[in-house]
């Protein structure tokens, strides 16, 4: 323990159990490196692997890309400490909702206020609507009473001018793989990122399924 050793193997190194423990130690090491420190969710490396594996199997699945709207304004107004609390709120809401309705689903954290969850297509309306409802119900608690009563904050925009921002909302872009819709994870990422930009122009929290064919 004082030497900071992660594991100890006694006996023949070519023993099957010893070999398995070595592989598990390596896997644990890579997994721990990829975990987001705020949300404790798997990061980009694991997200890419999960989606790539499902594409290789020609699974039918949906990739849901969730992103906070105007999070920078909130973070600038309240500071990184409270911004991190919002990130943890989003992580908890998505994680609990997805695993409550689909234990075999997957939830990951790309970084910042960007999250990904992978579910089956039939669960899209149920899970996305539940995530939005829970988020909208809880996010007001991340504001001071005065701001909550007003329903807005005044913060500096990216141009440096003071602007009014409503309470935080959540946008979820969804791309569905119908067996062989996509060839690789880059195509999925491009589609949901493009759709997300459109959803963020809409008022309130929303989710939308990509209906266009891939590029």
Protein backbone atom coordinates (compact mmCIF):
# COMPACT_ATOMS: atom_id res chain seq x y z
CA UNK A 1 0.00 0.00 0.00
CA UNK A 2 2.83 2.41 0.85
CA UNK A 3 4.41 1.69 -2.55
CA UNK A 4 1.14 2.62 -4.33
CA UNK A 5 0.91 -0.83 -5.92
CA UNK A 6 -2.39 -1.45 -7.72
CA UNK A 7 -2.31 -5.25 -7.57
CA UNK A 8 -0.09 -8.13 -6.44
CA UNK A 9 0.29 -11.45 -8.22
CA UNK A 10 1.88 -14.40 -6.44
CA UNK A 11 2.82 -17.58 -8.30
CA UNK A 12 3.47 -18.43 -11.92
CA UNK A 13 3.04 -15.43 -14.21
CA UNK A 14 1.76 -17.65 -17.04
CA UNK A 15 -1.09 -18.95 -14.90
CA UNK A 16 -4.44 -18.16 -16.63
CA UNK A 17 -5.74 -16.32 -13.56
CA UNK A 18 -2.58 -14.19 -13.37
CA UNK A 19 -2.87 -13.35 -17.06
CA UNK A 20 -6.52 -12.40 -16.63
CA UNK A 21 -5.68 -10.16 -13.68
CA UNK A 22 -3.01 -8.39 -15.73
CA UNK A 23 -5.49 -7.76 -18.53
CA UNK A 24 -8.06 -6.49 -16.03
CA UNK A 25 -5.48 -4.16 -14.46
CA UNK A 26 -4.66 -2.71 -17.89
CA UNK A 27 -8.34 -2.30 -18.72
CA UNK A 28 -8.99 -0.63 -15.35
CA UNK A 29 -6.09 1.74 -15.95
CA UNK A 30 -7.39 2.83 -19.37
CA UNK A 31 -10.94 3.15 -18.03
CA UNK A 32 -9.84 5.31 -15.10
CA UNK A 33 -7.88 7.62 -17.41
CA UNK A 34 -10.98 8.15 -19.55
CA UNK A 35 -13.38 8.94 -16.69
CA UNK A 36 -14.54 12.56 -16.48
CA UNK A 37 -13.58 13.97 -13.05
CA UNK A 38 -16.81 15.95 -12.61
CA UNK A 39 -19.44 13.46 -13.75
CA UNK A 40 -17.50 10.20 -13.20
CA UNK A 41 -18.86 9.10 -16.57
CA UNK A 42 -16.81 7.47 -19.35
CA UNK A 43 -15.13 9.94 -21.69
CA UNK A 44 -14.52 10.28 -25.46
CA UNK A 45 -12.34 7.16 -25.86
CA UNK A 46 -14.97 4.87 -24.35
CA UNK A 47 -17.80 6.64 -26.20
CA UNK A 48 -16.04 6.09 -29.52
CA UNK A 49 -15.37 2.44 -28.70
CA UNK A 50 -18.98 1.72 -27.68
CA UNK A 51 -20.42 3.30 -30.84
CA UNK A 52 -17.81 1.66 -33.09
CA UNK A 53 -18.55 -1.78 -31.63
CA UNK A 54 -22.27 -1.38 -32.22
CA UNK A 55 -21.69 -0.16 -35.77
CA UNK A 56 -19.47 -3.17 -36.44
CA UNK A 57 -22.26 -5.48 -35.24
CA UNK A 58 -24.81 -3.61 -37.42
CA UNK A 59 -26.95 -2.99 -34.35
CA UNK A 60 -30.10 -0.88 -34.42
CA UNK A 61 -29.40 1.90 -31.92
CA UNK A 62 -29.72 5.63 -31.32
CA UNK A 63 -26.94 8.06 -30.40
CA UNK A 64 -28.30 10.99 -28.38
CA UNK A 65 -26.10 14.08 -28.09
CA UNK A 66 -27.18 16.34 -25.20
CA UNK A 67 -25.87 19.88 -24.81
CA UNK A 68 -26.77 22.76 -22.49
CA UNK A 69 -27.95 26.01 -24.09
CA UNK A 70 -26.16 29.23 -23.05
CA UNK A 71 -24.10 27.42 -20.42
CA UNK A 72 -21.19 29.84 -20.89
CA UNK A 73 -23.39 32.75 -19.78
CA UNK A 74 -24.41 30.86 -16.64
CA UNK A 75 -20.82 29.85 -15.91
CA UNK A 76 -19.58 33.42 -16.33
CA UNK A 77 -22.37 34.77 -14.12
CA UNK A 78 -22.18 32.28 -11.23
CA UNK A 79 -18.62 31.01 -11.56
CA UNK A 80 -17.05 27.62 -12.27
CA UNK A 81 -18.03 26.13 -8.88
CA UNK A 82 -21.75 26.48 -9.60
CA UNK A 83 -21.19 25.66 -13.26
CA UNK A 84 -19.72 22.34 -12.17
CA UNK A 85 -22.82 21.67 -10.07
CA UNK A 86 -24.97 22.09 -13.19
CA UNK A 87 -22.74 19.66 -15.08
CA UNK A 88 -23.18 17.12 -12.27
CA UNK A 89 -26.95 17.70 -12.35
CA UNK A 90 -27.11 16.96 -16.08
CA UNK A 91 -24.93 13.86 -15.62
CA UNK A 92 -27.14 12.55 -12.81
CA UNK A 93 -30.40 13.20 -14.66
CA UNK A 94 -29.22 11.49 -17.85
CA UNK A 95 -27.54 8.59 -16.05
CA UNK A 96 -30.49 7.81 -13.79
CA UNK A 97 -33.09 8.24 -16.53
CA UNK A 98 -31.28 6.09 -19.09
CA UNK A 99 -30.44 3.26 -16.69
CA UNK A 100 -33.91 3.34 -15.09
CA UNK A 101 -35.56 2.77 -18.46
CA UNK A 102 -32.82 0.79 -20.20
CA UNK A 103 -30.18 -0.83 -17.96
CA UNK A 104 -28.24 -2.04 -21.00
CA UNK A 105 -27.93 1.50 -22.36
CA UNK A 106 -24.77 3.62 -22.21
CA UNK A 107 -24.07 7.14 -20.90
CA UNK A 108 -20.85 9.06 -21.55
CA UNK A 109 -19.47 12.56 -21.05
CA UNK A 110 -17.64 14.11 -24.00
CA UNK A 111 -16.51 17.03 -21.84
CA UNK A 112 -17.81 20.40 -20.69
CA UNK A 113 -21.60 20.45 -21.07
CA UNK A 114 -21.70 17.81 -23.84
CA UNK A 115 -23.05 14.33 -23.08
CA UNK A 116 -23.84 11.23 -25.16
CA UNK A 117 -26.19 8.39 -24.39
CA UNK A 118 -26.81 5.30 -26.51
CA UNK A 119 -30.20 3.58 -26.39
CA UNK A 120 -32.46 1.47 -28.58
CA UNK A 121 -34.64 3.42 -31.10
CA UNK A 122 -37.91 2.37 -29.46
CA UNK A 123 -36.90 4.14 -26.23
CA UNK A 124 -36.08 7.52 -27.81
CA UNK A 125 -39.33 9.38 -26.96
CA UNK A 126 -39.63 7.89 -23.48
CA UNK A 127 -36.05 8.58 -22.38
CA UNK A 128 -35.48 11.93 -24.13
CA UNK A 129 -38.75 13.38 -22.85
CA UNK A 130 -38.03 12.11 -19.32
CA UNK A 131 -34.52 13.63 -19.37
CA UNK A 132 -35.90 17.00 -20.48
CA UNK A 133 -38.73 16.97 -17.94
CA UNK A 134 -36.42 16.10 -15.05
CA UNK A 135 -33.81 18.65 -16.11
CA UNK A 136 -36.36 21.47 -16.50
CA UNK A 137 -37.85 20.62 -13.11
CA UNK A 138 -34.50 20.66 -11.28
CA UNK A 139 -32.36 23.27 -13.02
CA UNK A 140 -34.18 26.22 -11.42
CA UNK A 141 -32.66 25.12 -8.10
CA UNK A 142 -29.26 26.05 -9.54
CA UNK A 143 -30.26 29.74 -9.44
CA UNK A 144 -30.46 32.28 -6.64
CA UNK A 145 -34.06 33.00 -5.54
CA UNK A 146 -34.08 36.44 -7.19
CA UNK A 147 -32.88 35.07 -10.54
CA UNK A 148 -35.30 32.17 -10.24
CA UNK A 149 -38.21 34.58 -9.68
CA UNK A 150 -37.10 36.76 -12.59
CA UNK A 151 -36.63 33.76 -14.85
CA UNK A 152 -33.43 35.18 -16.32
CA UNK A 153 -29.91 36.44 -15.66
CA UNK A 154 -27.92 39.26 -17.25
CA UNK A 155 -24.47 38.13 -18.34
CA UNK A 156 -21.86 39.12 -20.90
CA UNK A 157 -22.12 37.57 -24.34
CA UNK A 158 -19.18 36.28 -26.36
CA UNK A 159 -18.98 39.76 -27.86
CA UNK A 160 -18.56 41.27 -24.40
CA UNK A 161 -21.95 42.99 -24.28
CA UNK A 162 -24.50 42.52 -21.50
CA UNK A 163 -27.39 40.30 -22.58
CA UNK A 164 -30.39 38.66 -20.95
CA UNK A 165 -30.44 34.86 -20.76
CA UNK A 166 -33.35 32.71 -19.64
CA UNK A 167 -32.95 29.72 -17.36
CA UNK A 168 -30.77 26.96 -18.75
CA UNK A 169 -32.32 24.58 -21.26
CA UNK A 170 -31.17 21.30 -22.81
CA UNK A 171 -30.95 20.32 -26.47
CA UNK A 172 -30.74 16.66 -27.53
CA UNK A 173 -29.87 15.66 -31.10
CA UNK A 174 -30.58 12.04 -32.02
CA UNK A 175 -29.12 9.95 -34.86
CA UNK A 176 -30.47 6.45 -35.45
CA UNK A 177 -28.45 3.62 -36.97
CA UNK A 178 -30.73 1.16 -38.72
CA UNK A 179 -28.26 -1.69 -39.02
CA UNK A 180 -26.00 -0.11 -41.67
CA UNK A 181 -26.97 3.55 -41.81
CA UNK A 182 -23.50 4.70 -40.77
CA UNK A 183 -20.08 3.29 -41.64
CA UNK A 184 -18.05 4.81 -38.81
CA UNK A 185 -18.40 6.93 -35.68
CA UNK A 186 -17.27 10.11 -37.47
CA UNK A 187 -20.42 10.10 -39.59
CA UNK A 188 -22.61 9.78 -36.51
CA UNK A 189 -20.74 12.59 -34.75
CA UNK A 190 -21.09 14.90 -37.75
CA UNK A 191 -24.82 14.32 -38.07
CA UNK A 192 -25.71 14.89 -34.42
CA UNK A 193 -23.43 17.95 -34.16
CA UNK A 194 -25.09 19.54 -37.19
CA UNK A 195 -28.59 18.80 -35.92
CA UNK A 196 -27.69 20.09 -32.44
CA UNK A 197 -26.85 23.53 -33.86
CA UNK A 198 -30.37 23.77 -35.29
CA UNK A 199 -32.10 22.56 -32.11
CA UNK A 200 -30.27 25.18 -30.05
CA UNK A 201 -32.02 27.91 -32.07
CA UNK A 202 -35.40 26.70 -30.77
CA UNK A 203 -36.87 28.06 -27.51
CA UNK A 204 -36.86 25.84 -24.41
CA UNK A 205 -35.54 22.31 -23.98
CA UNK A 206 -36.02 20.06 -27.01
CA UNK A 207 -35.00 16.81 -28.62
CA UNK A 208 -35.09 15.99 -32.31
CA UNK A 209 -34.41 12.88 -34.38
CA UNK A 210 -32.30 13.29 -37.53
CA UNK A 211 -34.49 12.36 -40.50
CA UNK A 212 -32.07 13.26 -43.29
CA UNK A 213 -29.87 10.71 -44.99
CA UNK A 214 -26.21 10.77 -43.97
CA UNK A 215 -23.85 13.11 -45.81
